[in-house]
Amino acid sequence: MQVSVESGEGLTKRLLVNLPAEKVDEVVNAKLKEAARTVRLDGFRPGKVPVRVVKQRFGAQIRQDAYGELIQSSFYEAVSQENLQPVGEPSIELREEEADGGLAYTATFEVMPEVKLADFGALEIKQPRAEVTDEDVDNMIRKLREQRTEWVEVERAAQDGDRLTIDFKGFIDGEAFEGGSAEGVQLVLGSGTMIPGFEEGLAGASAGEERKLELKFPDDYGVEHLAGKDAVFEVTVKAVAEPKLPELDEEFIKSLGVEDGTEESLRKEVRENMERELKQKLKSRTKEQVMDALLEKHDIQVPAAMIQQEAGALKQQAQQDMAQAGQQSSLDLPLSIFEPQAERRVKLGLIVGEIIRKNEMKVDQERVDEAIAEQAATYEEPQEIIDWYAANPQARSAVENVVLEDQVVEWILEQAKVEEEELTFDELVNKQS
């Protein structure tokens, strides 16, 4: 077998393979003999059909089958011989058959890129720091109360934070437009749910009052035929209601699942939940900073086949998430929208994989057990979750991958120049969300 390699654009390689006639004949003759034992033809007993008859009737098809078998076996032998790492399926093109009956073909494919690791001591990483303060706990408890806001109708002029019940009709050039009218709409002033000027134009209005608002749709408005258009809205205020938060009393606290109904227990539980969430956010933000630094320092090409495969996986996950959220849709999401994220993930996978390989890193099984136990603790029967992971190696393997990636992040932080970044709980958790 003769093999030569040509380099194409980027990571593309062309493998030129020539197989001698003797090798082709060996495989063809073996297949002819096998067919002679199994083929059924009129006038011949099963297994007694002469090879020459089989060759006459089925020779062309058998030779094509032999080519397929030879190409498959010789391709992997050739890439091994040339120390190549193919990515994806090769594109095979037969060249002119050699005069002596040999086989010649060209295989075109992408190869894995070489990853040269950067100097990790030159990496500059900001590591976030934050803590849960008493003020953060106060704000969270207020949000819990706001989630159960009651609206009480008032007979005064509307002010910011009030909820108005309104009817409105919209006109452009004196003509009502589609989607511009509605009745019984509930609108909280200051919520920013309407186009600019709409809510401001209703400040100080009272129940029963009518107002005419002359406004303009934003140039980037989502409905193309309305973007940038001047419009007039005739609005009737049906009712004005002010928010009334529930008292922070025993009844309210118990309704949140705090059995003893005391504010002290509520604050303790809220703080614990916030600290748990903060821990996860600190971890994910730090990991994101490390990964961004790795991408900045490693400029590597990635095979298009790997990006397409990863984009396909992301698309499938997105569709599953939509289905689980009850958003069944026949919309076929284009693969292109997943490609930027797919390219990032493939690049990071190659870089992190090389770090693990070069440093001979192994996953810490104790940390895997701790991660599973921490996840299980959020369920009513933690042991059932722990047992499920023990009985499902594939699920445990997924946790192992996450833990090993965490170990890589910690290793990089030990090498890099790390600057602490002080953030508040709100900056890290709410704004990042």
Protein backbone atom coordinates (compact mmCIF):
# COMPACT_ATOMS: atom_id res chain seq x y z
CA MET A 1 0.00 0.00 0.00
CA GLN A 2 1.35 3.39 -1.01
CA VAL A 3 0.26 6.43 1.01
CA SER A 4 0.93 10.15 0.62
CA VAL A 5 -0.51 13.16 2.47
CA GLU A 6 -1.39 16.61 1.15
CA SER A 7 -2.40 19.59 3.29
CA GLY A 8 -5.50 21.55 2.36
CA GLU A 9 -6.98 24.72 3.80
CA GLY A 10 -6.94 24.98 7.59
CA LEU A 11 -7.12 21.57 9.23
CA THR A 12 -8.00 19.71 6.01
CA LYS A 13 -5.84 16.79 4.89
CA ARG A 14 -5.99 14.73 1.72
CA LEU A 15 -4.81 11.15 1.97
CA LEU A 16 -3.85 9.53 -1.33
CA VAL A 17 -3.92 5.74 -1.07
CA ASN A 18 -2.89 3.20 -3.74
CA LEU A 19 -3.68 -0.50 -3.18
CA PRO A 20 -1.94 -3.13 -5.35
CA ALA A 21 -3.92 -5.46 -7.61
CA GLU A 22 -2.89 -8.48 -5.55
CA LYS A 23 -4.62 -7.06 -2.45
CA VAL A 24 -7.76 -6.18 -4.43
CA ASP A 25 -7.86 -9.62 -6.08
CA GLU A 26 -7.41 -11.34 -2.72
CA VAL A 27 -10.50 -9.66 -1.26
CA VAL A 28 -12.56 -10.00 -4.48
CA ASN A 29 -11.78 -13.74 -4.80
CA ALA A 30 -12.63 -14.32 -1.14
CA LYS A 31 -16.00 -12.63 -1.65
CA LEU A 32 -16.65 -14.61 -4.85
CA LYS A 33 -16.03 -17.89 -3.01
CA GLU A 34 -18.28 -16.79 -0.14
CA ALA A 35 -21.03 -15.87 -2.60
CA ALA A 36 -20.68 -19.20 -4.39
CA ARG A 37 -21.55 -20.98 -1.11
CA THR A 38 -24.67 -18.91 -0.46
CA VAL A 39 -26.10 -17.72 -3.80
CA ARG A 40 -29.07 -19.54 -5.31
CA LEU A 41 -29.33 -19.89 -9.09
CA ASP A 42 -31.67 -22.00 -11.20
CA GLY A 43 -29.99 -25.19 -12.39
CA PHE A 44 -27.49 -25.36 -9.54
CA ARG A 45 -27.72 -26.98 -6.13
CA PRO A 46 -27.25 -24.64 -3.12
CA GLY A 47 -23.53 -24.18 -2.47
CA LYS A 48 -22.52 -25.76 -5.80
CA VAL A 49 -22.60 -22.68 -8.07
CA PRO A 50 -19.21 -22.42 -9.86
CA VAL A 51 -17.14 -19.35 -8.99
CA ARG A 52 -16.86 -18.43 -12.70
CA VAL A 53 -20.68 -18.29 -12.94
CA VAL A 54 -20.90 -16.14 -9.81
CA LYS A 55 -18.23 -13.85 -11.25
CA GLN A 56 -20.11 -13.59 -14.52
CA ARG A 57 -23.43 -12.76 -12.88
CA PHE A 58 -22.38 -10.77 -9.82
CA GLY A 59 -18.74 -9.83 -10.38
CA ALA A 60 -19.27 -6.06 -10.74
CA GLN A 61 -21.32 -5.79 -7.54
CA ILE A 62 -18.90 -7.99 -5.61
CA ARG A 63 -15.97 -5.85 -6.76
CA GLN A 64 -17.79 -2.70 -5.54
CA ASP A 65 -18.40 -4.37 -2.16
CA ALA A 66 -14.73 -5.31 -2.01
CA TYR A 67 -13.75 -1.69 -2.74
CA GLY A 68 -15.87 -0.51 0.17
CA GLU A 69 -14.27 -3.02 2.55
CA LEU A 70 -10.76 -2.24 1.31
CA ILE A 71 -11.24 1.54 1.59
CA GLN A 72 -12.53 1.25 5.16
CA SER A 73 -9.71 -1.00 6.38
CA SER A 74 -6.92 0.74 4.48
CA PHE A 75 -8.04 4.23 5.51
CA TYR A 76 -7.63 3.54 9.23
CA GLU A 77 -4.37 1.71 8.58
CA ALA A 78 -3.11 4.68 6.54
CA VAL A 79 -4.03 7.40 9.09
CA SER A 80 -2.37 5.33 11.81
CA GLN A 81 0.72 4.96 9.64
CA GLU A 82 0.84 8.74 9.06
CA ASN A 83 0.06 9.61 12.72
CA LEU A 84 -3.09 11.54 11.79
CA GLN A 85 -6.16 12.07 14.01
CA PRO A 86 -9.20 12.34 11.72
CA VAL A 87 -12.31 14.23 12.83
CA GLY A 88 -15.65 13.16 11.41
CA GLU A 89 -16.23 10.93 8.40
CA PRO A 90 -13.83 11.29 5.45
CA SER A 91 -15.00 12.20 1.96
CA ILE A 92 -13.87 9.40 -0.38
CA GLU A 93 -13.21 9.93 -4.09
CA LEU A 94 -12.06 7.07 -6.33
CA ARG A 95 -9.26 7.95 -8.68
CA GLU A 96 -8.77 6.21 -12.02
CA GLU A 97 -8.37 2.51 -11.49
CA GLU A 98 -4.83 1.37 -12.11
CA ALA A 99 -4.21 -0.59 -15.29
CA ASP A 100 -3.16 -3.72 -13.40
CA GLY A 101 -6.43 -3.81 -11.42
CA GLY A 102 -5.29 -1.97 -8.31
CA LEU A 103 -7.39 0.53 -6.36
CA ALA A 104 -6.59 4.22 -5.89
CA TYR A 105 -8.61 6.73 -3.87
CA THR A 106 -8.35 10.09 -2.13
CA ALA A 107 -9.77 10.60 1.37
CA THR A 108 -10.40 14.21 2.43
CA PHE A 109 -10.96 14.97 6.11
CA GLU A 110 -10.16 17.33 8.98
CA VAL A 111 -7.67 16.50 11.70
CA MET A 112 -7.45 17.38 15.36
CA PRO A 113 -5.50 20.62 15.90
CA GLU A 114 -2.31 20.76 17.89
CA VAL A 115 -2.89 22.60 21.16
CA LYS A 116 0.16 24.45 22.47
CA LEU A 117 -0.50 25.50 26.04
CA ALA A 118 0.22 29.09 27.02
CA ASP A 119 2.19 30.32 30.01
CA PHE A 120 -0.46 30.16 32.72
CA GLY A 121 1.57 32.49 34.89
CA ALA A 122 0.76 35.26 32.40
CA LEU A 123 -3.00 34.80 32.80
CA GLU A 124 -4.78 37.67 34.57
CA ILE A 125 -8.01 36.61 36.26
CA LYS A 126 -10.50 38.52 38.37
CA GLN A 127 -11.94 36.29 41.08
CA PRO A 128 -15.24 37.59 42.51
CA ARG A 129 -15.83 37.88 46.24
CA ALA A 130 -19.17 38.61 47.90
CA GLU A 131 -21.13 37.91 51.07
CA VAL A 132 -24.74 37.95 52.19
CA THR A 133 -25.41 41.01 54.40
CA ASP A 134 -28.35 41.80 56.67
CA GLU A 135 -29.49 44.32 54.06
CA ASP A 136 -29.50 41.58 51.40
CA VAL A 137 -31.69 39.43 53.66
CA ASP A 138 -34.04 42.40 54.22
CA ASN A 139 -34.33 42.93 50.46
CA MET A 140 -35.07 39.25 49.84
CA ILE A 141 -37.80 39.18 52.51
CA ARG A 142 -39.30 42.29 50.95
CA LYS A 143 -39.35 40.53 47.56
CA LEU A 144 -41.15 37.58 49.16
CA ARG A 145 -43.76 40.00 50.48
CA GLU A 146 -44.02 41.76 47.10
CA GLN A 147 -44.75 38.41 45.42
CA ARG A 148 -47.96 38.33 47.50
CA THR A 149 -48.93 41.94 47.00
CA GLU A 150 -52.62 42.75 47.33
CA TRP A 151 -54.06 45.62 45.25
CA VAL A 152 -56.49 47.96 46.97
CA GLU A 153 -58.55 50.41 44.89
CA VAL A 154 -58.13 54.08 45.85
CA GLU A 155 -59.95 57.29 44.90
CA ARG A 156 -56.88 59.45 44.47
CA ALA A 157 -54.67 60.38 41.52
CA ALA A 158 -52.39 57.65 40.25
CA GLN A 159 -48.73 57.67 41.23
CA ASP A 160 -45.66 55.59 40.50
CA GLY A 161 -46.13 51.99 41.66
CA ASP A 162 -49.93 52.07 41.40
CA ARG A 163 -51.78 49.59 39.22
CA LEU A 164 -54.19 51.09 36.70
CA THR A 165 -56.98 49.20 34.92
CA ILE A 166 -57.36 50.83 31.50
CA ASP A 167 -59.05 50.64 28.10
CA PHE A 168 -57.15 52.13 25.18
CA LYS A 169 -57.35 52.63 21.42
CA GLY A 170 -54.35 53.46 19.23
CA PHE A 171 -54.39 55.42 15.97
CA ILE A 172 -51.79 56.11 13.28
CA ASP A 173 -52.63 58.87 10.80
CA GLY A 174 -56.15 58.87 12.23
CA GLU A 175 -56.70 55.16 11.54
CA ALA A 176 -56.93 52.45 14.21
CA PHE A 177 -54.14 49.90 13.76
CA GLU A 178 -54.09 46.18 14.41
CA GLY A 179 -53.07 45.30 17.97
CA GLY A 180 -53.41 48.90 19.11
CA SER A 181 -56.57 48.49 21.17
CA ALA A 182 -57.42 46.58 24.35
CA GLU A 183 -59.82 46.61 27.27
CA GLY A 184 -59.34 45.83 30.95
CA VAL A 185 -55.54 46.00 30.76
CA GLN A 186 -53.79 46.14 34.14
CA LEU A 187 -50.70 48.36 34.05
CA VAL A 188 -48.29 49.15 36.91
CA LEU A 189 -46.92 52.67 36.52
CA GLY A 190 -43.15 52.59 36.35
CA SER A 191 -42.97 48.99 35.15
CA GLY A 192 -41.73 50.01 31.70
CA THR A 193 -44.00 47.53 29.93
CA MET A 194 -45.44 50.07 27.47
CA ILE A 195 -43.72 52.23 24.86
CA PRO A 196 -41.88 55.35 26.15
CA GLY A 197 -44.25 58.08 27.33
CA PHE A 198 -47.32 55.87 27.76
CA GLU A 199 -47.01 55.28 31.51
CA GLU A 200 -45.65 58.78 32.13
CA GLY A 201 -48.72 60.16 30.35
CA LEU A 202 -51.01 58.48 32.88
CA ALA A 203 -49.30 59.84 36.01
CA GLY A 204 -51.81 61.75 38.13
CA ALA A 205 -54.84 60.25 36.37
CA SER A 206 -57.90 59.21 38.40
CA ALA A 207 -60.54 56.54 37.89
CA GLY A 208 -63.01 57.59 35.20
CA GLU A 209 -60.59 60.03 33.57
CA GLU A 210 -59.85 59.98 29.82
CA ARG A 211 -56.51 61.03 28.35
CA LYS A 212 -55.10 61.39 24.86
CA LEU A 213 -51.42 60.46 24.52
CA GLU A 214 -49.37 61.57 21.51
CA LEU A 215 -46.44 59.18 21.33
CA LYS A 216 -43.89 57.66 18.95
CA PHE A 217 -42.95 54.02 18.59
CA PRO A 218 -39.19 53.38 19.08
CA ASP A 219 -37.17 53.01 15.87
CA ASP A 220 -36.15 49.50 16.99
CA TYR A 221 -39.69 48.42 17.94
CA GLY A 222 -40.27 44.70 17.42
CA VAL A 223 -43.20 45.12 15.02
CA GLU A 224 -41.59 46.43 11.82
CA HIS A 225 -44.58 48.30 10.38
CA LEU A 226 -44.98 50.28 13.65
CA ALA A 227 -41.28 51.10 14.26
CA GLY A 228 -40.65 54.85 14.30
CA LYS A 229 -44.32 55.74 13.65
CA ASP A 230 -46.17 58.56 15.42
CA ALA A 231 -49.30 57.34 17.22
CA VAL A 232 -52.18 58.70 19.30
CA PHE A 233 -53.65 56.63 22.14
CA GLU A 234 -57.06 57.37 23.65
CA VAL A 235 -56.98 55.95 27.18
CA THR A 236 -59.78 55.54 29.72
CA VAL A 237 -58.73 54.87 33.31
CA LYS A 238 -61.21 52.41 34.84
CA ALA A 239 -59.61 52.02 38.28
CA VAL A 240 -56.55 52.96 40.33
CA ALA A 241 -55.19 50.55 42.97
CA GLU A 242 -52.25 50.86 45.34
CA PRO A 243 -50.07 47.95 46.46
CA LYS A 244 -50.50 46.55 49.96
CA LEU A 245 -47.77 44.24 51.21
CA PRO A 246 -48.69 41.45 53.65
CA GLU A 247 -47.59 42.03 57.24
CA LEU A 248 -44.49 40.14 58.32
CA ASP A 249 -46.52 38.24 60.91
CA GLU A 250 -46.74 34.62 62.02
CA GLU A 251 -49.40 33.74 59.46
CA PHE A 252 -47.37 35.08 56.55
CA ILE A 253 -44.13 33.44 57.74
CA LYS A 254 -45.81 30.05 58.17
CA SER A 255 -47.25 30.37 54.65
CA LEU A 256 -43.63 30.39 53.43
CA GLY A 257 -43.01 26.99 55.02
CA VAL A 258 -41.32 28.19 58.23
CA GLU A 259 -43.03 26.00 60.82
CA ASP A 260 -42.53 28.06 64.01
CA GLY A 261 -43.65 31.26 62.27
CA THR A 262 -40.93 33.45 63.81
CA GLU A 263 -39.06 36.18 61.96
CA GLU A 264 -35.77 34.85 63.38
CA SER A 265 -36.30 31.43 61.76
CA LEU A 266 -37.39 33.05 58.49
CA ARG A 267 -34.26 35.20 58.33
CA LYS A 268 -32.09 32.17 59.13
CA GLU A 269 -33.67 30.08 56.35
CA VAL A 270 -33.56 32.94 53.83
CA ARG A 271 -29.88 33.59 54.62
CA GLU A 272 -28.99 29.92 54.20
CA ASN A 273 -30.74 29.77 50.82
CA MET A 274 -29.04 32.98 49.69
CA GLU A 275 -25.62 31.78 50.79
CA ARG A 276 -26.16 28.52 48.91
CA GLU A 277 -27.10 30.45 45.77
CA LEU A 278 -24.18 32.85 46.24
CA LYS A 279 -21.73 29.96 46.51
CA GLN A 280 -22.90 28.59 43.17
CA LYS A 281 -22.75 32.01 41.52
CA LEU A 282 -19.22 32.66 42.81
CA LYS A 283 -18.13 29.30 41.49
CA SER A 284 -19.71 29.74 38.06
CA ARG A 285 -18.49 33.37 37.71
CA THR A 286 -14.92 32.33 38.63
CA LYS A 287 -15.05 29.45 36.16
CA GLU A 288 -16.32 31.80 33.45
CA GLN A 289 -13.46 34.23 34.12
CA VAL A 290 -10.91 31.39 33.90
CA MET A 291 -12.39 30.06 30.66
CA ASP A 292 -12.44 33.54 29.12
CA ALA A 293 -8.75 33.92 30.02
CA LEU A 294 -7.94 30.54 28.44
CA LEU A 295 -9.66 31.50 25.18
CA GLU A 296 -7.84 34.83 25.10
CA LYS A 297 -4.43 33.14 25.43
CA HIS A 298 -5.05 30.20 23.06
CA ASP A 299 -5.74 30.98 19.42
CA ILE A 300 -6.52 27.59 17.94
CA GLN A 301 -8.37 26.38 14.89
CA VAL A 302 -11.15 23.88 15.45
CA PRO A 303 -12.52 21.35 12.97
CA ALA A 304 -15.82 22.43 11.39
CA ALA A 305 -17.09 18.86 11.89
CA MET A 306 -16.68 19.19 15.68
CA ILE A 307 -18.47 22.55 15.72
CA GLN A 308 -21.38 21.13 13.71
CA GLN A 309 -21.65 18.11 16.01
CA GLU A 310 -21.63 20.29 19.14
CA ALA A 311 -24.12 22.73 17.61
CA GLY A 312 -26.41 19.78 16.88
CA ALA A 313 -26.20 18.68 20.52
CA LEU A 314 -26.98 22.20 21.74
CA LYS A 315 -29.96 22.42 19.39
CA GLN A 316 -31.32 19.10 20.63
CA GLN A 317 -30.92 20.22 24.26
CA ALA A 318 -32.70 23.51 23.53
CA GLN A 319 -35.63 21.67 21.97
CA GLN A 320 -35.82 19.30 24.95
CA ASP A 321 -35.79 22.25 27.35
CA MET A 322 -38.59 23.92 25.40
CA ALA A 323 -40.63 20.71 25.47
CA GLN A 324 -40.15 20.32 29.24
CA ALA A 325 -41.27 23.93 29.70
CA GLY A 326 -44.44 23.11 27.78
CA GLN A 327 -43.36 25.14 24.76
CA GLN A 328 -44.09 22.55 22.10
CA SER A 329 -43.25 24.00 18.72
CA SER A 330 -42.79 22.78 15.18
CA LEU A 331 -40.25 25.57 14.62
CA ASP A 332 -36.99 24.13 13.30
CA LEU A 333 -34.28 26.23 14.94
CA PRO A 334 -31.41 26.94 12.49
CA LEU A 335 -28.14 25.28 13.47
CA SER A 336 -26.27 28.53 12.80
CA ILE A 337 -27.61 30.20 15.96
CA PHE A 338 -25.85 27.56 18.08
CA GLU A 339 -22.52 27.65 16.25
CA PRO A 340 -20.81 30.51 18.22
CA GLN A 341 -21.50 28.77 21.54
CA ALA A 342 -20.53 25.43 20.00
CA GLU A 343 -17.19 26.81 18.78
CA ARG A 344 -16.45 28.21 22.25
CA ARG A 345 -17.24 24.87 23.90
CA VAL A 346 -15.15 22.88 21.42
CA LYS A 347 -12.15 25.19 21.85
CA LEU A 348 -12.38 25.05 25.64
CA GLY A 349 -12.78 21.27 25.51
CA LEU A 350 -9.56 20.93 23.51
CA ILE A 351 -7.63 23.30 25.79
CA VAL A 352 -8.89 21.77 29.04
CA GLY A 353 -8.32 18.27 27.66
CA GLU A 354 -4.69 19.10 26.86
CA ILE A 355 -4.17 20.55 30.37
CA ILE A 356 -5.53 17.34 31.88
CA ARG A 357 -3.40 15.15 29.59
CA LYS A 358 -0.16 17.08 30.03
CA ASN A 359 -0.49 17.27 33.82
CA GLU A 360 -1.80 13.69 34.14
CA MET A 361 -4.75 14.93 36.20
CA LYS A 362 -7.19 12.40 37.64
CA VAL A 363 -10.66 13.05 38.99
CA ASP A 364 -10.96 13.16 42.80
CA GLN A 365 -13.61 10.51 43.58
CA GLU A 366 -14.20 11.90 47.08
CA ARG A 367 -15.19 15.22 45.53
CA VAL A 368 -17.48 13.38 43.13
CA ASP A 369 -19.23 11.76 46.11
CA GLU A 370 -19.51 15.16 47.81
CA ALA A 371 -21.00 16.74 44.66
CA ILE A 372 -23.59 13.98 44.39
CA ALA A 373 -24.45 14.24 48.10
CA GLU A 374 -24.83 18.03 47.80
CA GLN A 375 -27.20 17.62 44.87
CA ALA A 376 -29.11 14.85 46.64
CA ALA A 377 -29.60 17.05 49.71
CA THR A 378 -32.08 19.20 47.77
CA TYR A 379 -34.48 16.23 47.41
CA GLU A 380 -36.88 14.75 49.98
CA GLU A 381 -35.15 11.34 49.89
CA PRO A 382 -31.42 12.07 49.39
CA GLN A 383 -30.33 8.43 49.64
CA GLU A 384 -32.49 7.49 46.65
CA ILE A 385 -30.58 10.00 44.51
CA ILE A 386 -27.21 8.77 45.80
CA ASP A 387 -28.20 5.16 45.05
CA TRP A 388 -29.40 6.16 41.57
CA TYR A 389 -25.99 7.63 40.72
CA ALA A 390 -24.30 4.51 42.08
CA ALA A 391 -26.40 2.35 39.75
CA ASN A 392 -25.91 4.60 36.70
CA PRO A 393 -22.24 4.85 35.63
CA GLN A 394 -23.08 7.23 32.78
CA ALA A 395 -24.74 9.72 35.15
CA ARG A 396 -21.82 9.48 37.57
CA SER A 397 -19.41 10.01 34.68
CA ALA A 398 -21.13 13.32 33.90
CA VAL A 399 -20.52 14.46 37.50
CA GLU A 400 -16.90 13.28 37.24
CA ASN A 401 -16.40 15.49 34.17
CA VAL A 402 -17.72 18.53 36.05
CA VAL A 403 -15.52 17.83 39.08
CA LEU A 404 -12.43 17.30 36.90
CA GLU A 405 -13.14 20.61 35.16
CA ASP A 406 -13.40 22.26 38.60
CA GLN A 407 -10.00 20.78 39.46
CA VAL A 408 -8.56 22.31 36.29
CA VAL A 409 -10.01 25.71 37.23
CA GLU A 410 -8.41 25.50 40.69
CA TRP A 411 -5.08 24.44 39.19
CA ILE A 412 -5.12 27.42 36.82
CA LEU A 413 -5.95 29.82 39.66
CA GLU A 414 -2.84 28.58 41.46
CA GLN A 415 -0.69 29.43 38.42
CA ALA A 416 -2.30 32.69 37.28
CA LYS A 417 -2.22 36.28 38.49
CA VAL A 418 -5.45 36.54 40.46
CA GLU A 419 -7.05 39.82 41.49
CA GLU A 420 -10.01 39.74 43.86
CA GLU A 421 -13.12 41.55 42.66
CA GLU A 422 -15.43 42.72 45.45
CA LEU A 423 -19.11 42.54 44.48
CA THR A 424 -22.42 42.79 46.31
CA PHE A 425 -24.91 39.93 46.41
CA ASP A 426 -27.20 41.88 44.09
CA GLU A 427 -24.43 42.55 41.54
CA LEU A 428 -23.36 38.92 41.44
CA VAL A 429 -26.66 37.06 41.71
CA ASN A 430 -29.46 39.24 40.41
CA LYS A 431 -27.69 41.27 37.73
CA GLN A 432 -25.74 38.23 36.48
CA SER A 433 -28.99 36.30 36.23
